[in-house]
């Protein structure tokens, strides 16, 4: 899910492609925010791009 967010995919297309509910995707994103100390998708993308080899 984090990689799809980093690529700029919206939550709805992610949920459809992964055959998961929007609530499940939002929960995944919230857990990623909690683990990375981020609060918005833009912050998460910046963090992921900074650590990407």
PDB file of N, CA and C in Angstrom:
ATOM      1  N   UNK A   1       0.838  -1.187   0.000  1.00  0.00           N
ATOM      2  CA  UNK A   1       0.000   0.000   0.000  1.00  0.00           C
ATOM      3  C   UNK A   1       0.880   1.246   0.000  1.00  0.00           C
ATOM      4  N   UNK A   2       1.931   1.245   0.803  1.00  0.00           N
ATOM      5  CA  UNK A   2       2.809   2.417   0.875  1.00  0.00           C
ATOM      6  C   UNK A   2       3.446   2.718  -0.474  1.00  0.00           C
ATOM      7  N   UNK A   3       3.855   1.689  -1.185  1.00  0.00           N
ATOM      8  CA  UNK A   3       4.467   1.912  -2.499  1.00  0.00           C
ATOM      9  C   UNK A   3       3.466   2.480  -3.490  1.00  0.00           C
ATOM     10  N   UNK A   4       2.230   2.035  -3.413  1.00  0.00           N
ATOM     11  CA  UNK A   4       1.193   2.565  -4.307  1.00  0.00           C
ATOM     12  C   UNK A   4       0.913   4.023  -3.982  1.00  0.00           C
ATOM     13  N   UNK A   5       0.892   4.373  -2.704  1.00  0.00           N
ATOM     14  CA  UNK A   5       0.710   5.773  -2.305  1.00  0.00           C
ATOM     15  C   UNK A   5       1.883   6.598  -2.818  1.00  0.00           C
ATOM     16  N   UNK A   6       3.096   6.048  -2.709  1.00  0.00           N
ATOM     17  CA  UNK A   6       4.283   6.758  -3.179  1.00  0.00           C
ATOM     18  C   UNK A   6       4.206   7.029  -4.682  1.00  0.00           C
ATOM     19  N   UNK A   7       3.634   6.106  -5.433  1.00  0.00           N
ATOM     20  CA  UNK A   7       3.497   6.291  -6.884  1.00  0.00           C
ATOM     21  C   UNK A   7       2.411   7.295  -7.235  1.00  0.00           C
ATOM     22  N   UNK A   8       1.645   7.708  -6.239  1.00  0.00           N
ATOM     23  CA  UNK A   8       0.611   8.703  -6.476  1.00  0.00           C
ATOM     24  C   UNK A   8      -0.764   8.127  -6.736  1.00  0.00           C
ATOM     25  N   UNK A   9      -0.918   6.837  -6.533  1.00  0.00           N
ATOM     26  CA  UNK A   9      -2.224   6.210  -6.725  1.00  0.00           C
ATOM     27  C   UNK A   9      -3.173   6.637  -5.614  1.00  0.00           C
ATOM     28  N   UNK A  10      -4.423   6.834  -5.966  1.00  0.00           N
ATOM     29  CA  UNK A  10      -5.439   7.174  -4.980  1.00  0.00           C
ATOM     30  C   UNK A  10      -5.850   5.952  -4.177  1.00  0.00           C
ATOM     31  N   UNK A  11      -6.488   6.201  -3.050  1.00  0.00           N
ATOM     32  CA  UNK A  11      -6.891   5.091  -2.188  1.00  0.00           C
ATOM     33  C   UNK A  11      -7.959   4.221  -2.842  1.00  0.00           C
ATOM     34  N   UNK A  12      -8.876   4.837  -3.578  1.00  0.00           N
ATOM     35  CA  UNK A  12      -9.931   4.048  -4.223  1.00  0.00           C
ATOM     36  C   UNK A  12      -9.360   3.087  -5.263  1.00  0.00           C
ATOM     37  N   UNK A  13      -8.496   3.553  -6.184  1.00  0.00           N
ATOM     38  CA  UNK A  13      -7.903   2.593  -7.124  1.00  0.00           C
ATOM     39  C   UNK A  13      -7.083   1.501  -6.434  1.00  0.00           C
ATOM     40  N   UNK A  14      -6.406   1.863  -5.354  1.00  0.00           N
ATOM     41  CA  UNK A  14      -5.639   0.861  -4.609  1.00  0.00           C
ATOM     42  C   UNK A  14      -6.587  -0.195  -4.054  1.00  0.00           C
ATOM     43  N   UNK A  15      -7.683   0.245  -3.456  1.00  0.00           N
ATOM     44  CA  UNK A  15      -8.630  -0.706  -2.866  1.00  0.00           C
ATOM     45  C   UNK A  15      -9.244  -1.601  -3.934  1.00  0.00           C
ATOM     46  N   UNK A  16      -9.561  -1.027  -5.087  1.00  0.00           N
ATOM     47  CA  UNK A  16     -10.151  -1.825  -6.169  1.00  0.00           C
ATOM     48  C   UNK A  16      -9.152  -2.840  -6.709  1.00  0.00           C
ATOM     49  N   UNK A  17      -7.924  -2.408  -6.942  1.00  0.00           N
ATOM     50  CA  UNK A  17      -6.904  -3.307  -7.489  1.00  0.00           C
ATOM     51  C   UNK A  17      -6.551  -4.433  -6.525  1.00  0.00           C
ATOM     52  N   UNK A  18      -6.562  -4.139  -5.233  1.00  0.00           N
ATOM     53  CA  UNK A  18      -6.188  -5.137  -4.238  1.00  0.00           C
ATOM     54  C   UNK A  18      -7.397  -5.919  -3.724  1.00  0.00           C
ATOM     55  N   UNK A  19      -8.585  -5.581  -4.230  1.00  0.00           N
ATOM     56  CA  UNK A  19      -9.831  -6.230  -3.811  1.00  0.00           C
ATOM     57  C   UNK A  19     -10.030  -6.136  -2.297  1.00  0.00           C
ATOM     58  N   UNK A  20      -9.754  -4.938  -1.768  1.00  0.00           N
ATOM     59  CA  UNK A  20      -9.956  -4.663  -0.351  1.00  0.00           C
ATOM     60  C   UNK A  20     -10.883  -3.469  -0.212  1.00  0.00           C
ATOM     61  N   UNK A  21     -11.562  -3.373   0.912  1.00  0.00           N
ATOM     62  CA  UNK A  21     -12.462  -2.241   1.134  1.00  0.00           C
ATOM     63  C   UNK A  21     -11.661  -0.969   1.379  1.00  0.00           C
ATOM     64  N   UNK A  22     -12.318   0.166   1.151  1.00  0.00           N
ATOM     65  CA  UNK A  22     -11.680   1.451   1.428  1.00  0.00           C
ATOM     66  C   UNK A  22     -11.295   1.541   2.901  1.00  0.00           C
ATOM     67  N   UNK A  23     -12.140   1.013   3.775  1.00  0.00           N
ATOM     68  CA  UNK A  23     -11.847   1.055   5.211  1.00  0.00           C
ATOM     69  C   UNK A  23     -10.550   0.308   5.519  1.00  0.00           C
ATOM     70  N   UNK A  24     -10.338  -0.824   4.873  1.00  0.00           N
ATOM     71  CA  UNK A  24      -9.118  -1.599   5.086  1.00  0.00           C
ATOM     72  C   UNK A  24      -7.897  -0.830   4.602  1.00  0.00           C
ATOM     73  N   UNK A  25      -8.000  -0.212   3.433  1.00  0.00           N
ATOM     74  CA  UNK A  25      -6.886   0.572   2.895  1.00  0.00           C
ATOM     75  C   UNK A  25      -6.588   1.748   3.819  1.00  0.00           C
ATOM     76  N   UNK A  26      -7.632   2.435   4.283  1.00  0.00           N
ATOM     77  CA  UNK A  26      -7.433   3.567   5.189  1.00  0.00           C
ATOM     78  C   UNK A  26      -6.771   3.112   6.492  1.00  0.00           C
ATOM     79  N   UNK A  27      -7.147   1.941   6.979  1.00  0.00           N
ATOM     80  CA  UNK A  27      -6.522   1.395   8.182  1.00  0.00           C
ATOM     81  C   UNK A  27      -5.046   1.117   7.935  1.00  0.00           C
ATOM     82  N   UNK A  28      -4.737   0.519   6.789  1.00  0.00           N
ATOM     83  CA  UNK A  28      -3.333   0.267   6.443  1.00  0.00           C
ATOM     84  C   UNK A  28      -2.550   1.575   6.403  1.00  0.00           C
ATOM     85  N   UNK A  29      -3.111   2.582   5.753  1.00  0.00           N
ATOM     86  CA  UNK A  29      -2.433   3.875   5.639  1.00  0.00           C
ATOM     87  C   UNK A  29      -2.236   4.493   7.024  1.00  0.00           C
ATOM     88  N   UNK A  30      -3.240   4.416   7.874  1.00  0.00           N
ATOM     89  CA  UNK A  30      -3.110   4.971   9.224  1.00  0.00           C
ATOM     90  C   UNK A  30      -2.015   4.254  10.007  1.00  0.00           C
ATOM     91  N   UNK A  31      -1.926   2.944   9.867  1.00  0.00           N
ATOM     92  CA  UNK A  31      -0.869   2.190  10.547  1.00  0.00           C
ATOM     93  C   UNK A  31       0.510   2.585  10.013  1.00  0.00           C
ATOM     94  N   UNK A  32       0.595   2.820   8.705  1.00  0.00           N
ATOM     95  CA  UNK A  32       1.861   3.271   8.113  1.00  0.00           C
ATOM     96  C   UNK A  32       2.229   4.641   8.673  1.00  0.00           C
ATOM     97  N   UNK A  33       1.245   5.546   8.756  1.00  0.00           N
ATOM     98  CA  UNK A  33       1.491   6.870   9.344  1.00  0.00           C
ATOM     99  C   UNK A  33       2.011   6.722  10.773  1.00  0.00           C
ATOM    100  N   UNK A  34       1.351   5.878  11.555  1.00  0.00           N
ATOM    101  CA  UNK A  34       1.749   5.682  12.954  1.00  0.00           C
ATOM    102  C   UNK A  34       3.184   5.162  13.059  1.00  0.00           C
ATOM    103  N   UNK A  35       3.534   4.215  12.212  1.00  0.00           N
ATOM    104  CA  UNK A  35       4.865   3.605  12.274  1.00  0.00           C
ATOM    105  C   UNK A  35       5.962   4.533  11.774  1.00  0.00           C
ATOM    106  N   UNK A  36       5.617   5.441  10.858  1.00  0.00           N
ATOM    107  CA  UNK A  36       6.633   6.325  10.276  1.00  0.00           C
ATOM    108  C   UNK A  36       6.636   7.711  10.900  1.00  0.00           C
ATOM    109  N   UNK A  37       5.661   8.000  11.747  1.00  0.00           N
ATOM    110  CA  UNK A  37       5.580   9.321  12.358  1.00  0.00           C
ATOM    111  C   UNK A  37       5.092  10.393  11.408  1.00  0.00           C
ATOM    112  N   UNK A  38       4.433   9.980  10.335  1.00  0.00           N
ATOM    113  CA  UNK A  38       3.880  10.939   9.379  1.00  0.00           C
ATOM    114  C   UNK A  38       2.395  11.122   9.651  1.00  0.00           C
ATOM    115  N   UNK A  39       1.830  12.183   9.049  1.00  0.00           N
ATOM    116  CA  UNK A  39       0.414  12.477   9.274  1.00  0.00           C
ATOM    117  C   UNK A  39      -0.365  12.672   7.982  1.00  0.00           C
ATOM    118  N   UNK A  40       0.353  12.843   6.887  1.00  0.00           N
ATOM    119  CA  UNK A  40      -0.301  13.055   5.592  1.00  0.00           C
ATOM    120  C   UNK A  40       0.407  12.227   4.532  1.00  0.00           C
ATOM    121  N   UNK A  41      -0.316  11.960   3.445  1.00  0.00           N
ATOM    122  CA  UNK A  41       0.264  11.174   2.367  1.00  0.00           C
ATOM    123  C   UNK A  41       1.491  11.860   1.784  1.00  0.00           C
ATOM    124  N   UNK A  42       1.462  13.182   1.675  1.00  0.00           N
ATOM    125  CA  UNK A  42       2.608  13.907   1.117  1.00  0.00           C
ATOM    126  C   UNK A  42       3.854  13.701   1.980  1.00  0.00           C
ATOM    127  N   UNK A  43       3.695  13.710   3.291  1.00  0.00           N
ATOM    128  CA  UNK A  43       4.827  13.469   4.191  1.00  0.00           C
ATOM    129  C   UNK A  43       5.369  12.053   4.002  1.00  0.00           C
ATOM    130  N   UNK A  44       4.456  11.104   3.875  1.00  0.00           N
ATOM    131  CA  UNK A  44       4.857   9.712   3.681  1.00  0.00           C
ATOM    132  C   UNK A  44       5.635   9.559   2.379  1.00  0.00           C
ATOM    133  N   UNK A  45       5.152  10.186   1.317  1.00  0.00           N
ATOM    134  CA  UNK A  45       5.832  10.108   0.023  1.00  0.00           C
ATOM    135  C   UNK A  45       7.237  10.694   0.127  1.00  0.00           C
ATOM    136  N   UNK A  46       7.366  11.854   0.770  1.00  0.00           N
ATOM    137  CA  UNK A  46       8.696  12.465   0.950  1.00  0.00           C
ATOM    138  C   UNK A  46       9.638  11.524   1.693  1.00  0.00           C
ATOM    139  N   UNK A  47       9.139  10.907   2.751  1.00  0.00           N
ATOM    140  CA  UNK A  47       9.954   9.984   3.535  1.00  0.00           C
ATOM    141  C   UNK A  47      10.380   8.783   2.694  1.00  0.00           C
ATOM    142  N   UNK A  48       9.445   8.194   1.980  1.00  0.00           N
ATOM    143  CA  UNK A  48       9.759   7.017   1.171  1.00  0.00           C
ATOM    144  C   UNK A  48      10.743   7.344   0.056  1.00  0.00           C
ATOM    145  N   UNK A  49      10.585   8.499  -0.561  1.00  0.00           N
ATOM    146  CA  UNK A  49      11.515   8.894  -1.624  1.00  0.00           C
ATOM    147  C   UNK A  49      12.912   9.148  -1.069  1.00  0.00           C
ATOM    148  N   UNK A  50      12.989   9.642   0.157  1.00  0.00           N
ATOM    149  CA  UNK A  50      14.285   9.930   0.775  1.00  0.00           C
ATOM    150  C   UNK A  50      15.065   8.659   1.095  1.00  0.00           C
ATOM    151  N   UNK A  51      14.371   7.578   1.409  1.00  0.00           N
ATOM    152  CA  UNK A  51      15.056   6.340   1.782  1.00  0.00           C
ATOM    153  C   UNK A  51      15.141   5.335   0.642  1.00  0.00           C
ATOM    154  N   UNK A  52      14.541   5.658  -0.473  1.00  0.00           N
ATOM    155  CA  UNK A  52      14.560   4.748  -1.621  1.00  0.00           C
ATOM    156  C   UNK A  52      15.959   4.720  -2.233  1.00  0.00           C
ATOM    157  N   UNK A  53      16.493   3.512  -2.495  1.00  0.00           N
ATOM    158  CA  UNK A  53      17.845   3.423  -3.075  1.00  0.00           C
ATOM    159  C   UNK A  53      17.892   3.916  -4.510  1.00  0.00           C
TER     160      UNK A  53
END
